[in-house]
């Protein structure tokens, strides 16, 4: 009986640890940038836009695109192939060591 209780406690502690590690990996601040697409990685792994942020001069914002990135055109699910250089898009991205695009939206 004691062994079973101990195993349950160990399993619970490991679960909490794994959730904490996963949250730390996702830590960072969610940011939004809107601008014109200036480049798209030919392999579909990154997108760069020229965006005015905070009323300052336009600056390039490059984000990593992965399998978790949601792409939408006119509110409907799309792919990165549906986005072209010159399009105006809004990118929601996680600001951390790398900028991972969570969502790319074209109106």
N, C-alpha and C. Protein backbone atom coordinates (compact mmCIF):
# COMPACT_ATOMS: atom_id res chain seq x y z
N UNK A 1 0.82 -1.20 0.00
CA UNK A 1 0.00 0.00 0.00
C UNK A 1 0.87 1.26 0.00
N UNK A 2 1.88 1.28 0.88
CA UNK A 2 2.77 2.43 0.94
C UNK A 2 3.50 2.62 -0.38
N UNK A 3 3.87 1.51 -0.99
CA UNK A 3 4.59 1.57 -2.26
C UNK A 3 3.71 2.19 -3.34
N UNK A 4 2.43 1.84 -3.34
CA UNK A 4 1.49 2.39 -4.32
C UNK A 4 1.32 3.90 -4.13
N UNK A 5 1.19 4.33 -2.88
CA UNK A 5 1.03 5.75 -2.58
C UNK A 5 2.30 6.49 -3.00
N UNK A 6 3.45 5.92 -2.70
CA UNK A 6 4.72 6.53 -3.08
C UNK A 6 4.81 6.67 -4.60
N UNK A 7 4.43 5.65 -5.34
CA UNK A 7 4.49 5.68 -6.80
C UNK A 7 3.54 6.75 -7.36
N UNK A 8 2.37 6.90 -6.78
CA UNK A 8 1.42 7.92 -7.21
C UNK A 8 2.01 9.31 -6.97
N UNK A 9 2.63 9.51 -5.81
CA UNK A 9 3.25 10.80 -5.50
C UNK A 9 4.40 11.11 -6.45
N UNK A 10 5.22 10.11 -6.76
CA UNK A 10 6.33 10.30 -7.70
C UNK A 10 5.79 10.66 -9.08
N UNK A 11 4.75 9.95 -9.52
CA UNK A 11 4.15 10.23 -10.83
C UNK A 11 3.58 11.65 -10.86
N UNK A 12 2.94 12.08 -9.80
CA UNK A 12 2.37 13.43 -9.73
C UNK A 12 3.49 14.48 -9.78
N UNK A 13 4.56 14.23 -9.03
CA UNK A 13 5.69 15.17 -9.02
C UNK A 13 6.32 15.27 -10.42
N UNK A 14 6.46 14.15 -11.09
CA UNK A 14 7.02 14.17 -12.45
C UNK A 14 6.11 14.92 -13.41
N UNK A 15 4.82 14.76 -13.26
CA UNK A 15 3.86 15.47 -14.11
C UNK A 15 4.00 16.97 -13.93
N UNK A 16 4.08 17.41 -12.69
CA UNK A 16 4.25 18.84 -12.40
C UNK A 16 5.56 19.34 -13.00
N UNK A 17 6.61 18.58 -12.87
CA UNK A 17 7.91 18.97 -13.42
C UNK A 17 7.84 19.09 -14.93
N UNK A 18 7.22 18.15 -15.60
CA UNK A 18 7.12 18.19 -17.06
C UNK A 18 6.29 19.38 -17.53
N UNK A 19 5.21 19.68 -16.84
CA UNK A 19 4.39 20.84 -17.20
C UNK A 19 5.19 22.12 -17.00
N UNK A 20 5.95 22.21 -15.92
CA UNK A 20 6.77 23.39 -15.66
C UNK A 20 7.82 23.57 -16.74
N UNK A 21 8.47 22.49 -17.15
CA UNK A 21 9.48 22.56 -18.21
C UNK A 21 8.84 22.99 -19.52
N UNK A 22 7.69 22.45 -19.84
CA UNK A 22 6.98 22.81 -21.08
C UNK A 22 6.59 24.28 -21.06
N UNK A 23 6.13 24.79 -19.93
CA UNK A 23 5.76 26.19 -19.84
C UNK A 23 6.98 27.09 -19.95
N UNK A 24 8.10 26.66 -19.40
CA UNK A 24 9.33 27.45 -19.51
C UNK A 24 9.79 27.52 -20.95
N UNK A 25 9.61 26.44 -21.69
CA UNK A 25 10.00 26.43 -23.10
C UNK A 25 9.14 27.40 -23.90
N UNK A 26 7.89 27.59 -23.50
CA UNK A 26 6.98 28.49 -24.18
C UNK A 26 7.03 29.89 -23.59
N UNK A 27 7.87 30.09 -22.56
CA UNK A 27 7.89 31.40 -21.92
C UNK A 27 8.39 32.44 -22.90
N UNK A 28 7.98 33.61 -22.70
CA UNK A 28 8.27 34.71 -23.60
C UNK A 28 7.01 35.53 -23.70
N UNK A 29 7.11 36.62 -24.39
CA UNK A 29 5.98 37.53 -24.49
C UNK A 29 5.36 37.43 -25.88
N UNK A 30 4.04 37.33 -25.93
CA UNK A 30 3.34 37.30 -27.21
C UNK A 30 3.30 38.71 -27.77
N UNK A 31 3.74 38.87 -29.00
CA UNK A 31 3.79 40.17 -29.67
C UNK A 31 2.99 40.09 -30.96
N UNK A 32 2.59 41.24 -31.48
CA UNK A 32 1.89 41.32 -32.76
C UNK A 32 2.56 42.38 -33.61
N UNK A 33 2.74 42.08 -34.89
CA UNK A 33 3.32 43.03 -35.83
C UNK A 33 2.55 42.95 -37.14
N UNK A 34 2.27 44.11 -37.74
CA UNK A 34 1.59 44.17 -39.03
C UNK A 34 2.48 44.91 -40.00
N UNK A 35 2.61 44.36 -41.19
CA UNK A 35 3.44 45.01 -42.21
C UNK A 35 3.44 44.25 -43.51
N UNK A 36 4.23 44.76 -44.46
CA UNK A 36 4.34 44.12 -45.77
C UNK A 36 5.39 43.03 -45.74
N UNK A 37 5.08 41.91 -46.37
CA UNK A 37 6.02 40.79 -46.45
C UNK A 37 7.18 41.20 -47.34
N UNK A 38 8.40 41.08 -46.82
CA UNK A 38 9.59 41.41 -47.61
C UNK A 38 10.32 40.17 -48.08
N UNK A 39 10.14 39.06 -47.37
CA UNK A 39 10.76 37.81 -47.82
C UNK A 39 10.08 36.62 -47.15
N UNK A 40 10.14 35.50 -47.88
CA UNK A 40 9.65 34.23 -47.36
C UNK A 40 10.73 33.21 -47.66
N UNK A 41 11.13 32.46 -46.66
CA UNK A 41 12.15 31.43 -46.86
C UNK A 41 11.62 30.42 -47.89
N UNK A 42 12.43 30.10 -48.92
CA UNK A 42 11.95 29.18 -49.95
C UNK A 42 11.54 27.81 -49.42
N UNK A 43 12.07 27.43 -48.30
CA UNK A 43 11.71 26.14 -47.71
C UNK A 43 10.53 26.29 -46.75
N UNK A 44 10.00 27.50 -46.66
CA UNK A 44 8.83 27.73 -45.81
C UNK A 44 9.11 27.71 -44.33
N UNK A 45 10.31 28.09 -43.93
CA UNK A 45 10.66 28.03 -42.52
C UNK A 45 10.73 29.40 -41.84
N UNK A 46 10.54 30.48 -42.61
CA UNK A 46 10.62 31.81 -42.01
C UNK A 46 9.91 32.83 -42.91
N UNK A 47 9.47 33.92 -42.28
CA UNK A 47 8.84 35.03 -43.00
C UNK A 47 9.35 36.31 -42.37
N UNK A 48 9.58 37.33 -43.21
CA UNK A 48 10.05 38.62 -42.73
C UNK A 48 9.09 39.69 -43.24
N UNK A 49 8.71 40.60 -42.34
CA UNK A 49 7.87 41.72 -42.74
C UNK A 49 8.53 43.03 -42.34
N UNK A 50 8.16 44.10 -43.03
CA UNK A 50 8.60 45.44 -42.66
C UNK A 50 7.43 46.07 -41.91
N UNK A 51 7.64 46.34 -40.63
CA UNK A 51 6.54 46.80 -39.79
C UNK A 51 6.93 48.04 -39.00
N UNK A 52 5.97 48.95 -38.82
CA UNK A 52 6.16 50.08 -37.92
C UNK A 52 5.71 49.63 -36.55
N UNK A 53 6.60 49.75 -35.60
CA UNK A 53 6.28 49.29 -34.25
C UNK A 53 6.50 50.43 -33.27
N UNK A 54 5.49 50.75 -32.52
CA UNK A 54 5.60 51.81 -31.51
C UNK A 54 5.78 53.18 -32.11
N UNK A 55 5.26 53.41 -33.33
CA UNK A 55 5.35 54.72 -33.96
C UNK A 55 6.74 55.06 -34.47
N UNK A 56 7.64 54.09 -34.44
CA UNK A 56 9.01 54.31 -34.90
C UNK A 56 9.11 54.02 -36.39
N UNK A 57 10.31 54.20 -36.93
CA UNK A 57 10.56 53.85 -38.33
C UNK A 57 10.27 52.38 -38.56
N UNK A 58 9.96 52.06 -39.81
CA UNK A 58 9.71 50.66 -40.15
C UNK A 58 10.96 49.83 -39.87
N UNK A 59 10.74 48.65 -39.34
CA UNK A 59 11.86 47.74 -39.09
C UNK A 59 11.46 46.35 -39.55
N UNK A 60 12.44 45.55 -39.90
CA UNK A 60 12.16 44.19 -40.33
C UNK A 60 11.95 43.30 -39.12
N UNK A 61 10.89 42.50 -39.21
CA UNK A 61 10.59 41.51 -38.18
C UNK A 61 10.59 40.15 -38.87
N UNK A 62 11.51 39.30 -38.47
CA UNK A 62 11.58 37.96 -39.04
C UNK A 62 11.15 36.94 -38.00
N UNK A 63 10.30 36.01 -38.41
CA UNK A 63 9.83 34.99 -37.49
C UNK A 63 10.04 33.60 -38.08
N UNK A 64 10.21 32.65 -37.20
CA UNK A 64 10.34 31.24 -37.57
C UNK A 64 8.93 30.68 -37.76
N UNK A 65 8.74 29.94 -38.84
CA UNK A 65 7.46 29.28 -39.11
C UNK A 65 7.66 27.79 -38.91
N UNK A 66 6.81 27.18 -38.08
CA UNK A 66 6.92 25.73 -37.86
C UNK A 66 5.56 25.07 -38.03
N UNK A 67 5.48 23.80 -37.72
CA UNK A 67 4.24 23.05 -37.93
C UNK A 67 3.10 23.52 -37.03
N UNK A 68 3.41 24.30 -36.00
CA UNK A 68 2.37 24.81 -35.10
C UNK A 68 1.84 26.19 -35.52
N UNK A 69 2.46 26.80 -36.53
CA UNK A 69 2.03 28.11 -36.99
C UNK A 69 0.72 28.00 -37.74
N UNK A 70 -0.24 28.83 -37.38
CA UNK A 70 -1.54 28.87 -38.06
C UNK A 70 -1.49 29.98 -39.10
N UNK A 71 -1.82 29.66 -40.34
CA UNK A 71 -1.86 30.65 -41.42
C UNK A 71 -3.32 30.80 -41.85
N UNK A 72 -3.78 32.06 -41.94
CA UNK A 72 -5.15 32.33 -42.37
C UNK A 72 -5.15 33.42 -43.44
N UNK A 73 -5.98 33.23 -44.46
CA UNK A 73 -6.21 34.24 -45.47
C UNK A 73 -7.71 34.50 -45.49
N UNK A 74 -8.08 35.76 -45.26
CA UNK A 74 -9.50 36.15 -45.18
C UNK A 74 -10.26 35.29 -44.18
N UNK A 75 -9.60 34.97 -43.07
CA UNK A 75 -10.23 34.22 -41.99
C UNK A 75 -10.29 32.71 -42.18
N UNK A 76 -9.82 32.23 -43.33
CA UNK A 76 -9.87 30.79 -43.60
C UNK A 76 -8.47 30.19 -43.53
N UNK A 77 -8.41 28.93 -43.11
CA UNK A 77 -7.14 28.23 -42.99
C UNK A 77 -6.42 28.22 -44.34
N UNK A 78 -5.12 28.49 -44.32
CA UNK A 78 -4.31 28.55 -45.52
C UNK A 78 -2.94 27.99 -45.23
N UNK A 79 -2.03 28.11 -46.18
CA UNK A 79 -0.64 27.69 -45.98
C UNK A 79 0.27 28.86 -46.28
N UNK A 80 1.52 28.72 -45.96
CA UNK A 80 2.49 29.78 -46.23
C UNK A 80 2.61 30.05 -47.73
N UNK A 81 2.30 29.05 -48.57
CA UNK A 81 2.33 29.23 -50.02
C UNK A 81 1.30 30.27 -50.48
N UNK A 82 0.27 30.52 -49.67
CA UNK A 82 -0.77 31.48 -50.01
C UNK A 82 -0.36 32.92 -49.70
N UNK A 83 0.77 33.09 -49.04
CA UNK A 83 1.30 34.41 -48.70
C UNK A 83 2.41 34.74 -49.69
N UNK A 84 2.39 35.96 -50.23
CA UNK A 84 3.37 36.39 -51.23
C UNK A 84 4.10 37.65 -50.76
N UNK A 85 5.31 37.86 -51.27
CA UNK A 85 6.05 39.08 -51.00
C UNK A 85 5.19 40.25 -51.47
N UNK A 86 5.07 41.28 -50.63
CA UNK A 86 4.25 42.45 -50.93
C UNK A 86 2.90 42.43 -50.24
N UNK A 87 2.43 41.24 -49.81
CA UNK A 87 1.17 41.15 -49.07
C UNK A 87 1.31 41.83 -47.71
N UNK A 88 0.23 42.39 -47.22
CA UNK A 88 0.20 42.93 -45.86
C UNK A 88 -0.37 41.86 -44.95
N UNK A 89 0.37 41.54 -43.90
CA UNK A 89 -0.05 40.49 -42.97
C UNK A 89 0.13 40.97 -41.53
N UNK A 90 -0.56 40.30 -40.64
CA UNK A 90 -0.37 40.49 -39.20
C UNK A 90 0.19 39.18 -38.66
N UNK A 91 1.27 39.28 -37.91
CA UNK A 91 1.91 38.09 -37.34
C UNK A 91 1.84 38.19 -35.82
N UNK A 92 1.31 37.16 -35.20
CA UNK A 92 1.38 37.00 -33.75
C UNK A 92 2.54 36.05 -33.50
N UNK A 93 3.49 36.48 -32.68
CA UNK A 93 4.67 35.65 -32.46
C UNK A 93 5.09 35.67 -31.00
N UNK A 94 5.78 34.61 -30.63
CA UNK A 94 6.29 34.47 -29.27
C UNK A 94 7.70 35.04 -29.24
N UNK A 95 7.89 36.10 -28.46
CA UNK A 95 9.20 36.74 -28.37
C UNK A 95 10.03 36.01 -27.32
N UNK A 96 11.02 35.29 -27.79
CA UNK A 96 11.94 34.56 -26.92
C UNK A 96 13.30 34.62 -27.60
N UNK A 97 14.14 33.61 -27.42
CA UNK A 97 15.44 33.61 -28.09
C UNK A 97 15.26 33.68 -29.60
N UNK A 98 14.30 32.96 -30.13
CA UNK A 98 13.90 33.05 -31.52
C UNK A 98 12.47 33.56 -31.54
N UNK A 99 12.05 34.14 -32.63
CA UNK A 99 10.69 34.63 -32.74
C UNK A 99 9.87 33.59 -33.50
N UNK A 100 9.06 32.83 -32.78
CA UNK A 100 8.25 31.78 -33.39
C UNK A 100 6.87 32.32 -33.73
N UNK A 101 6.51 32.27 -35.01
CA UNK A 101 5.18 32.73 -35.44
C UNK A 101 4.13 31.75 -34.94
N UNK A 102 3.16 32.25 -34.22
CA UNK A 102 2.04 31.43 -33.77
C UNK A 102 0.90 31.53 -34.77
N UNK A 103 0.74 32.72 -35.37
CA UNK A 103 -0.34 32.92 -36.34
C UNK A 103 0.08 33.98 -37.35
N UNK A 104 -0.22 33.73 -38.63
CA UNK A 104 0.01 34.68 -39.70
C UNK A 104 -1.35 34.90 -40.36
N UNK A 105 -1.78 36.17 -40.41
CA UNK A 105 -3.11 36.47 -40.95
C UNK A 105 -3.02 37.48 -42.07
N UNK A 106 -3.65 37.15 -43.20
CA UNK A 106 -3.74 38.07 -44.34
C UNK A 106 -5.22 38.36 -44.54
N UNK A 107 -5.58 39.64 -44.65
CA UNK A 107 -6.98 40.02 -44.85
C UNK A 107 -7.36 39.92 -46.29
